[in-house]
């Protein structure tokens, strides 16, 4: 995927890792092969990642063994519906890259609900994913240029993605205050950082 995107995927993960430089315990939703998790571990974090794709988890476990990350990175085979089994107020950060666009509206609501629950009171969430550009011309342009990437994504992961129309709005409704929103690629990609709201 990184080769197909000309390095964009790795660049996104590096940007996300910078947002989480001070996070001790991180939950990664859709950890894939563990590339981001390894970046976070190198910064000092302990990461629990999960992914519903068994092949991805197998690759992540190979990465763990190859790089001796057993005490810093745990990869679990499960989907977002397994988040209800995670402990309350345990993580300093929740992160997800290029996963939310694969989820339904109800699944994203569920993820935000449980992300708020599993985070410590001052915890943060960072979501980086495809979004719908606000500019009508960019919307049309984005539809055209994303078709090859959509086909590549399906061939590799057997999943289809749908750009999110209001990622920041969904995050607010899910119990977070928006700290930062960075738009790239003509407004078709966003990295949104939120802080767990008090009383959630």
Protein backbone atom coordinates (compact mmCIF):
# COMPACT_ATOMS: atom_id res chain seq x y z
CA UNK A 1 0.00 0.00 0.00
CA UNK A 2 2.82 2.39 0.79
CA UNK A 3 4.46 1.76 -2.59
CA UNK A 4 1.12 2.22 -4.34
CA UNK A 5 0.59 5.53 -2.54
CA UNK A 6 4.16 6.68 -3.30
CA UNK A 7 5.10 6.81 0.37
CA UNK A 8 1.96 8.62 1.52
CA UNK A 9 0.88 5.91 3.98
CA UNK A 10 4.22 5.89 5.82
CA UNK A 11 4.28 9.71 5.86
CA UNK A 12 0.84 9.71 7.49
CA UNK A 13 1.96 7.26 10.15
CA UNK A 14 5.05 9.34 10.93
CA UNK A 15 2.85 12.43 11.36
CA UNK A 16 0.52 10.50 13.66
CA UNK A 17 3.46 9.19 15.71
CA UNK A 18 4.61 12.77 16.28
CA UNK A 19 1.20 13.55 17.81
CA UNK A 20 1.66 10.70 20.30
CA UNK A 21 5.22 11.34 21.43
CA UNK A 22 4.19 11.60 25.11
CA UNK A 23 1.72 8.69 25.23
CA UNK A 24 2.75 5.83 27.52
CA UNK A 25 -0.02 3.35 26.66
CA UNK A 26 -1.57 3.44 23.19
CA UNK A 27 -4.48 1.51 21.69
CA UNK A 28 -4.24 1.18 17.91
CA UNK A 29 -7.45 0.40 16.02
CA UNK A 30 -6.56 -1.54 12.89
CA UNK A 31 -2.85 -2.03 13.53
CA UNK A 32 -2.22 -3.82 10.22
CA UNK A 33 1.34 -5.10 9.98
CA UNK A 34 2.47 -3.03 12.98
CA UNK A 35 4.40 -0.29 11.18
CA UNK A 36 2.91 2.56 13.23
CA UNK A 37 3.11 0.52 16.43
CA UNK A 38 6.84 0.04 15.92
CA UNK A 39 7.27 3.80 15.43
CA UNK A 40 5.39 4.42 18.69
CA UNK A 41 7.43 1.81 20.56
CA UNK A 42 10.63 3.52 19.38
CA UNK A 43 9.31 6.68 21.07
CA UNK A 44 8.76 4.84 24.35
CA UNK A 45 5.10 3.80 24.11
CA UNK A 46 3.58 0.44 24.95
CA UNK A 47 1.08 -0.44 22.21
CA UNK A 48 -1.91 -2.75 22.09
CA UNK A 49 -3.04 -3.07 18.49
CA UNK A 50 -5.88 -5.04 17.04
CA UNK A 51 -7.02 -5.87 13.53
CA UNK A 52 -9.77 -8.07 12.11
CA UNK A 53 -7.55 -9.23 9.25
CA UNK A 54 -5.80 -12.43 10.35
CA UNK A 55 -3.06 -12.07 7.74
CA UNK A 56 -2.24 -8.58 9.03
CA UNK A 57 -2.01 -9.84 12.61
CA UNK A 58 0.25 -12.66 11.47
CA UNK A 59 2.53 -10.09 9.81
CA UNK A 60 2.42 -7.89 12.92
CA UNK A 61 3.44 -10.84 15.11
CA UNK A 62 6.31 -11.60 12.76
CA UNK A 63 7.42 -7.97 13.13
CA UNK A 64 7.17 -8.27 16.93
CA UNK A 65 9.36 -11.39 16.99
CA UNK A 66 11.83 -10.12 14.40
CA UNK A 67 12.39 -6.84 16.28
CA UNK A 68 12.07 -8.23 19.83
CA UNK A 69 9.05 -6.07 20.69
CA UNK A 70 7.26 -8.67 22.84
CA UNK A 71 7.29 -6.49 25.97
CA UNK A 72 6.16 -3.32 24.15
CA UNK A 73 3.68 -4.37 21.45
CA UNK A 74 0.75 -6.77 21.59
CA UNK A 75 -1.27 -7.55 18.44
CA UNK A 76 -4.75 -9.04 18.84
CA UNK A 77 -6.99 -10.56 16.18
CA UNK A 78 -10.37 -8.88 16.66
CA UNK A 79 -12.73 -6.34 15.16
CA UNK A 80 -14.00 -3.08 16.62
CA UNK A 81 -16.91 -4.98 18.19
CA UNK A 82 -14.39 -6.41 20.64
CA UNK A 83 -13.63 -3.01 22.14
CA UNK A 84 -16.23 -3.55 24.86
CA UNK A 85 -13.81 -6.06 26.43
CA UNK A 86 -11.06 -3.45 26.91
CA UNK A 87 -10.46 -1.90 30.36
CA UNK A 88 -11.85 1.48 31.43
CA UNK A 89 -9.57 4.54 31.62
CA UNK A 90 -6.39 2.60 30.82
CA UNK A 91 -4.92 4.18 27.68
CA UNK A 92 -3.26 7.55 27.22
CA UNK A 93 -4.11 7.58 23.52
CA UNK A 94 -6.24 5.85 20.92
CA UNK A 95 -5.12 5.98 17.31
CA UNK A 96 -6.41 4.84 13.94
CA UNK A 97 -5.03 5.39 10.45
CA UNK A 98 -6.98 4.57 7.28
CA UNK A 99 -9.52 2.41 9.12
CA UNK A 100 -12.50 4.67 9.88
CA UNK A 101 -13.27 4.96 6.16
CA UNK A 102 -13.84 1.18 6.16
CA UNK A 103 -16.40 1.36 8.98
CA UNK A 104 -20.14 2.00 8.84
CA UNK A 105 -21.69 5.03 10.56
CA UNK A 106 -22.85 2.86 13.47
CA UNK A 107 -19.42 1.23 13.81
CA UNK A 108 -17.72 4.64 14.01
CA UNK A 109 -20.16 5.75 16.72
CA UNK A 110 -19.40 2.55 18.62
CA UNK A 111 -15.65 3.12 18.29
CA UNK A 112 -15.86 6.70 19.55
CA UNK A 113 -18.03 5.60 22.48
CA UNK A 114 -15.57 2.95 23.61
CA UNK A 115 -12.52 5.08 22.82
CA UNK A 116 -13.82 7.69 25.27
CA UNK A 117 -14.41 4.94 27.83
CA UNK A 118 -10.98 3.29 27.59
CA UNK A 119 -9.05 6.58 27.65
CA UNK A 120 -7.74 8.19 30.80
CA UNK A 121 -9.38 11.55 31.70
CA UNK A 122 -6.74 13.55 29.83
CA UNK A 123 -6.40 11.02 27.01
CA UNK A 124 -6.32 11.89 23.32
CA UNK A 125 -7.53 10.30 20.12
CA UNK A 126 -5.88 10.72 16.71
CA UNK A 127 -7.71 9.68 13.56
CA UNK A 128 -6.13 9.99 10.12
CA UNK A 129 -8.28 9.06 7.16
CA UNK A 130 -9.99 9.97 3.92
CA UNK A 131 -12.61 12.70 4.15
CA UNK A 132 -14.97 14.36 1.69
CA UNK A 133 -13.49 17.66 0.42
CA UNK A 134 -15.69 20.70 1.03
CA UNK A 135 -14.90 22.27 -2.34
CA UNK A 136 -17.22 20.89 -5.04
CA UNK A 137 -14.46 20.82 -7.69
CA UNK A 138 -12.13 18.98 -5.34
CA UNK A 139 -14.94 16.50 -4.63
CA UNK A 140 -15.14 15.64 -8.34
CA UNK A 141 -11.36 15.53 -8.73
CA UNK A 142 -11.01 13.33 -5.66
CA UNK A 143 -13.54 10.83 -6.99
CA UNK A 144 -11.51 10.44 -10.16
CA UNK A 145 -8.04 10.12 -8.64
CA UNK A 146 -9.07 7.76 -5.83
CA UNK A 147 -10.41 5.03 -8.13
CA UNK A 148 -7.00 3.36 -8.74
CA UNK A 149 -6.20 3.46 -4.99
CA UNK A 150 -9.65 2.07 -4.20
CA UNK A 151 -9.02 -0.86 -6.52
CA UNK A 152 -5.56 -1.45 -5.03
CA UNK A 153 -6.95 -1.34 -1.48
CA UNK A 154 -9.59 -3.93 -2.33
CA UNK A 155 -7.08 -6.27 -3.96
CA UNK A 156 -4.82 -6.15 -0.89
CA UNK A 157 -7.30 -5.98 2.00
CA UNK A 158 -10.60 -7.13 0.43
CA UNK A 159 -12.26 -4.04 1.90
CA UNK A 160 -13.77 -0.92 0.35
CA UNK A 161 -13.48 2.56 1.77
CA UNK A 162 -15.87 5.50 1.88
CA UNK A 163 -14.53 9.01 2.64
CA UNK A 164 -16.01 10.45 5.84
CA UNK A 165 -18.16 13.54 5.37
CA UNK A 166 -17.61 15.10 8.82
CA UNK A 167 -14.87 13.40 10.83
CA UNK A 168 -14.47 16.27 13.32
CA UNK A 169 -18.23 16.46 13.86
CA UNK A 170 -18.43 12.72 14.55
CA UNK A 171 -15.53 13.01 16.98
CA UNK A 172 -17.28 15.82 18.88
CA UNK A 173 -20.50 13.83 19.11
CA UNK A 174 -18.45 10.89 20.34
CA UNK A 175 -17.30 12.78 23.43
CA UNK A 176 -14.17 14.62 22.33
CA UNK A 177 -13.02 18.21 22.04
CA UNK A 178 -11.11 18.93 18.83
CA UNK A 179 -7.53 19.99 19.52
CA UNK A 180 -6.22 20.01 15.96
CA UNK A 181 -7.37 19.30 12.44
CA UNK A 182 -4.94 19.12 9.52
CA UNK A 183 -6.27 18.78 5.98
CA UNK A 184 -4.10 17.59 3.11
CA UNK A 185 -4.42 16.66 -0.57
CA UNK A 186 -6.99 19.30 -1.42
CA UNK A 187 -9.03 18.60 1.69
CA UNK A 188 -9.45 14.91 0.87
CA UNK A 189 -7.40 13.64 3.80
CA UNK A 190 -7.58 14.70 7.44
CA UNK A 191 -5.68 14.08 10.64
CA UNK A 192 -7.87 15.03 13.57
CA UNK A 193 -6.69 15.08 17.18
CA UNK A 194 -9.26 15.16 19.97
CA UNK A 195 -9.15 15.27 23.74
CA UNK A 196 -11.50 13.23 25.90
CA UNK A 197 -14.23 15.53 27.23
CA UNK A 198 -14.71 15.73 30.98
CA UNK A 199 -17.59 13.71 32.34
CA UNK A 200 -17.54 11.16 29.50
